[in-house]
């Protein structure tokens, strides 16, 4: 088949050509089920020990240790000058460094850039003062 700028032309059929025999449809066999990719055995070599009891005692001790080690953070809420968005910060009182900030500073810069680009794209309308 060829396509020209005016229209399409169908391919010419050769005389005496007949389609070949179509083979019969064969049934498809389902594959064998797969074995699990990973096997986890959490049993202890000692038959009388429950592994869940040991993990509970370690997990209960961690929050107490983490609370003792973690310094207190000072929460702050401020308004960003460029985007006029509310910003939540957690500050380390000993060093004054911002530890956590929501939204991220990169997001605030992207918003400020997008707003500036939108302001530049708007047509400037100046009032026309006509006096005779």
Protein backbone atom coordinates (compact mmCIF):
# COMPACT_ATOMS: atom_id res chain seq x y z
CA UNK A 1 0.00 0.00 0.00
CA UNK A 2 1.35 3.38 -0.90
CA UNK A 3 0.11 6.76 0.19
CA UNK A 4 0.34 9.72 -2.11
CA UNK A 5 -0.61 13.31 -1.54
CA UNK A 6 -3.90 12.74 -3.38
CA UNK A 7 -5.02 9.46 -1.89
CA UNK A 8 -4.15 5.89 -1.07
CA UNK A 9 -3.75 3.04 -3.53
CA UNK A 10 -4.28 -0.57 -2.55
CA UNK A 11 -1.63 -3.14 -3.43
CA UNK A 12 -2.28 -5.19 -6.56
CA UNK A 13 -3.27 -8.81 -5.98
CA UNK A 14 -1.29 -11.36 -7.84
CA UNK A 15 -3.31 -14.00 -9.61
CA UNK A 16 -3.18 -17.54 -8.33
CA UNK A 17 -1.89 -16.60 -4.89
CA UNK A 18 -3.98 -18.11 -2.11
CA UNK A 19 -3.41 -17.86 1.61
CA UNK A 20 -1.68 -20.82 3.21
CA UNK A 21 -3.40 -23.20 5.59
CA UNK A 22 -4.01 -21.86 9.09
CA UNK A 23 -2.70 -24.18 11.80
CA UNK A 24 -5.10 -25.40 14.48
CA UNK A 25 -5.10 -23.60 17.82
CA UNK A 26 -3.12 -25.47 20.47
CA UNK A 27 -4.16 -25.25 24.14
CA UNK A 28 -1.77 -23.43 26.45
CA UNK A 29 -0.55 -25.10 29.61
CA UNK A 30 -0.35 -23.02 32.77
CA UNK A 31 3.17 -22.71 34.21
CA UNK A 32 4.01 -24.45 37.45
CA UNK A 33 3.65 -22.23 40.54
CA UNK A 34 6.89 -20.56 41.64
CA UNK A 35 8.59 -21.17 44.93
CA UNK A 36 8.84 -18.22 47.34
CA UNK A 37 11.83 -16.02 46.48
CA UNK A 38 12.99 -15.63 50.10
CA UNK A 39 12.51 -17.78 53.13
CA UNK A 40 12.93 -16.25 56.56
CA UNK A 41 13.49 -18.41 59.59
CA UNK A 42 13.35 -16.40 62.83
CA UNK A 43 13.35 -19.35 65.17
CA UNK A 44 16.02 -19.39 67.83
CA UNK A 45 18.43 -22.31 68.04
CA UNK A 46 17.26 -22.68 71.65
CA UNK A 47 13.80 -24.31 71.56
CA UNK A 48 12.58 -22.58 74.77
CA UNK A 49 13.42 -18.97 73.73
CA UNK A 50 10.80 -16.75 72.09
CA UNK A 51 12.56 -14.30 69.69
CA UNK A 52 9.69 -11.82 69.95
CA UNK A 53 10.23 -11.36 73.69
CA UNK A 54 13.87 -10.31 73.20
CA UNK A 55 13.00 -7.82 70.46
CA UNK A 56 10.35 -6.19 72.65
CA UNK A 57 12.79 -5.47 75.46
CA UNK A 58 15.32 -3.88 73.07
CA UNK A 59 12.59 -1.80 71.38
CA UNK A 60 11.28 -0.57 74.73
CA UNK A 61 14.76 0.63 75.76
CA UNK A 62 15.46 2.59 72.55
CA UNK A 63 12.90 5.41 72.97
CA UNK A 64 14.18 6.16 76.48
CA UNK A 65 17.79 6.34 75.22
CA UNK A 66 16.79 8.40 72.18
CA UNK A 67 14.92 10.92 74.33
CA UNK A 68 17.91 11.34 76.62
CA UNK A 69 20.34 11.88 73.70
CA UNK A 70 18.15 14.11 71.50
CA UNK A 71 18.60 17.83 72.26
CA UNK A 72 15.51 19.96 72.74
CA UNK A 73 14.45 21.83 69.61
CA UNK A 74 12.83 25.22 69.59
CA UNK A 75 9.81 25.47 67.24
CA UNK A 76 9.33 28.67 65.21
CA UNK A 77 6.63 29.81 62.85
CA UNK A 78 7.35 32.64 60.43
CA UNK A 79 6.02 34.16 57.21
CA UNK A 80 8.29 34.00 54.16
CA UNK A 81 8.86 37.47 52.65
CA UNK A 82 8.93 36.42 49.00
CA UNK A 83 6.03 33.96 48.86
CA UNK A 84 3.95 35.09 51.85
CA UNK A 85 3.80 31.40 52.91
CA UNK A 86 3.73 30.13 56.50
CA UNK A 87 7.02 28.37 57.35
CA UNK A 88 7.51 26.00 60.30
CA UNK A 89 11.05 25.58 61.59
CA UNK A 90 12.68 23.61 64.38
CA UNK A 91 15.87 25.30 65.57
CA UNK A 92 18.71 23.88 67.68
CA UNK A 93 18.91 26.37 70.57
CA UNK A 94 22.60 25.74 71.26
CA UNK A 95 23.84 26.47 67.72
CA UNK A 96 20.92 28.38 66.18
CA UNK A 97 20.87 26.06 63.14
CA UNK A 98 17.56 25.17 61.50
CA UNK A 99 17.12 21.41 61.89
CA UNK A 100 13.70 20.96 60.22
CA UNK A 101 11.84 23.35 57.91
CA UNK A 102 8.46 22.88 56.24
CA UNK A 103 8.02 23.68 53.38
CA UNK A 104 11.53 22.97 52.18
CA UNK A 105 13.68 26.01 51.27
CA UNK A 106 13.97 24.74 47.68
CA UNK A 107 10.17 24.74 47.39
CA UNK A 108 10.00 28.31 48.69
CA UNK A 109 12.61 29.46 46.14
CA UNK A 110 10.72 27.71 43.32
CA UNK A 111 7.47 29.41 44.35
CA UNK A 112 9.17 32.82 44.49
CA UNK A 113 10.72 32.24 41.05
CA UNK A 114 7.39 31.15 39.55
CA UNK A 115 5.59 34.18 40.99
CA UNK A 116 8.29 36.54 39.66
CA UNK A 117 8.12 34.94 36.19
CA UNK A 118 4.33 35.25 36.19
CA UNK A 119 4.58 38.93 37.18
CA UNK A 120 7.05 39.58 34.32
CA UNK A 121 4.75 37.83 31.82
CA UNK A 122 1.74 39.98 32.67
CA UNK A 123 1.28 42.95 30.36
CA UNK A 124 1.99 46.29 31.97
CA UNK A 125 -1.01 48.56 31.90
CA UNK A 126 -0.40 52.21 32.48
CA UNK A 127 -3.19 54.68 32.77
CA UNK A 128 -3.29 57.14 29.94
CA UNK A 129 -3.78 60.71 30.98
CA UNK A 130 -5.41 62.73 28.24
CA UNK A 131 -5.90 66.39 28.65
CA UNK A 132 -6.73 68.90 26.01
